[in-house]
Amino acid sequence: MSRNSKLISENLREEIAKELGVYDQVKKDGGSWANVPSKTCGNIVTKAIEIANRSVEK
């Protein structure tokens, strides 16, 4: 796990991964994100930022 892994909560990361259809792969790999493509990880971060922006706007 990277040193910045705490920036996004594990629950939020899992929720977004489910939306993007990659959570089953992570679960199958024992919770390892090593086989998730970097583009998908970037999409997870983008989605998390969108969620954070919406919560700030409220």
C-alpha atoms as a PDB file:
ATOM      1  CA  MET A   1       0.000   0.000   0.000  1.00  0.00           C
ATOM      2  CA  SER A   2       1.356   3.406  -0.874  1.00  0.00           C
ATOM      3  CA  ARG A   3       2.167   6.044   1.708  1.00  0.00           C
ATOM      4  CA  ASN A   4      -0.800   8.138   0.501  1.00  0.00           C
ATOM      5  CA  SER A   5      -3.323   5.320   0.833  1.00  0.00           C
ATOM      6  CA  LYS A   6      -5.024   7.032   3.783  1.00  0.00           C
ATOM      7  CA  LEU A   7      -6.130   9.988   1.638  1.00  0.00           C
ATOM      8  CA  ILE A   8      -9.179   8.019   0.512  1.00  0.00           C
ATOM      9  CA  SER A   9     -10.949   5.869   3.089  1.00  0.00           C
ATOM     10  CA  GLU A  10     -10.978   2.166   2.382  1.00  0.00           C
ATOM     11  CA  ASN A  11     -14.796   2.167   2.338  1.00  0.00           C
ATOM     12  CA  LEU A  12     -14.970   4.950  -0.235  1.00  0.00           C
ATOM     13  CA  ARG A  13     -12.315   3.305  -2.385  1.00  0.00           C
ATOM     14  CA  GLU A  14     -14.204  -0.004  -2.306  1.00  0.00           C
ATOM     15  CA  GLU A  15     -17.519   1.695  -3.106  1.00  0.00           C
ATOM     16  CA  ILE A  16     -16.033   3.458  -6.126  1.00  0.00           C
ATOM     17  CA  ALA A  17     -14.237   0.284  -7.240  1.00  0.00           C
ATOM     18  CA  LYS A  18     -17.595  -1.505  -7.183  1.00  0.00           C
ATOM     19  CA  GLU A  19     -19.095   1.249  -9.345  1.00  0.00           C
ATOM     20  CA  LEU A  20     -16.224   0.922 -11.813  1.00  0.00           C
ATOM     21  CA  GLY A  21     -16.451  -2.875 -11.826  1.00  0.00           C
ATOM     22  CA  VAL A  22     -12.976  -3.669 -10.485  1.00  0.00           C
ATOM     23  CA  TYR A  23     -13.765  -4.545  -6.874  1.00  0.00           C
ATOM     24  CA  ASP A  24     -14.261  -8.241  -7.654  1.00  0.00           C
ATOM     25  CA  GLN A  25     -10.685  -8.401  -8.984  1.00  0.00           C
ATOM     26  CA  VAL A  26      -9.343  -6.713  -5.834  1.00  0.00           C
ATOM     27  CA  LYS A  27     -11.338  -9.058  -3.633  1.00  0.00           C
ATOM     28  CA  LYS A  28     -10.162 -12.086  -5.642  1.00  0.00           C
ATOM     29  CA  ASP A  29      -6.555 -10.932  -5.196  1.00  0.00           C
ATOM     30  CA  GLY A  30      -6.967 -10.845  -1.419  1.00  0.00           C
ATOM     31  CA  GLY A  31      -7.397  -7.080  -1.175  1.00  0.00           C
ATOM     32  CA  SER A  32      -4.373  -6.294  -3.313  1.00  0.00           C
ATOM     33  CA  TRP A  33      -4.715  -3.398  -5.731  1.00  0.00           C
ATOM     34  CA  ALA A  34      -1.578  -4.461  -7.633  1.00  0.00           C
ATOM     35  CA  ASN A  35      -3.512  -5.867 -10.606  1.00  0.00           C
ATOM     36  CA  VAL A  36      -5.779  -2.842 -11.010  1.00  0.00           C
ATOM     37  CA  PRO A  37      -4.627  -0.745 -13.986  1.00  0.00           C
ATOM     38  CA  SER A  38      -3.245   2.698 -13.154  1.00  0.00           C
ATOM     39  CA  LYS A  39      -5.887   4.282 -15.383  1.00  0.00           C
ATOM     40  CA  THR A  40      -8.601   2.708 -13.237  1.00  0.00           C
ATOM     41  CA  CYS A  41      -6.871   3.890 -10.061  1.00  0.00           C
ATOM     42  CA  GLY A  42      -6.847   7.378 -11.563  1.00  0.00           C
ATOM     43  CA  ASN A  43     -10.562   7.064 -12.268  1.00  0.00           C
ATOM     44  CA  ILE A  44     -11.112   6.116  -8.618  1.00  0.00           C
ATOM     45  CA  VAL A  45      -9.249   9.235  -7.497  1.00  0.00           C
ATOM     46  CA  THR A  46     -11.205  11.404  -9.954  1.00  0.00           C
ATOM     47  CA  LYS A  47     -14.506  10.020  -8.681  1.00  0.00           C
ATOM     48  CA  ALA A  48     -13.426  10.573  -5.050  1.00  0.00           C
ATOM     49  CA  ILE A  49     -12.574  14.191  -5.846  1.00  0.00           C
ATOM     50  CA  GLU A  50     -15.990  14.665  -7.471  1.00  0.00           C
ATOM     51  CA  ILE A  51     -17.684  13.247  -4.365  1.00  0.00           C
ATOM     52  CA  ALA A  52     -15.593  15.498  -2.087  1.00  0.00           C
ATOM     53  CA  ASN A  53     -16.420  18.568  -4.181  1.00  0.00           C
ATOM     54  CA  ARG A  54     -20.130  17.806  -4.039  1.00  0.00           C
ATOM     55  CA  SER A  55     -20.017  17.421  -0.248  1.00  0.00           C
ATOM     56  CA  VAL A  56     -18.196  20.759   0.120  1.00  0.00           C
ATOM     57  CA  GLU A  57     -20.740  22.523  -2.082  1.00  0.00           C
ATOM     58  CA  LYS A  58     -23.621  21.411   0.158  1.00  0.00           C
END
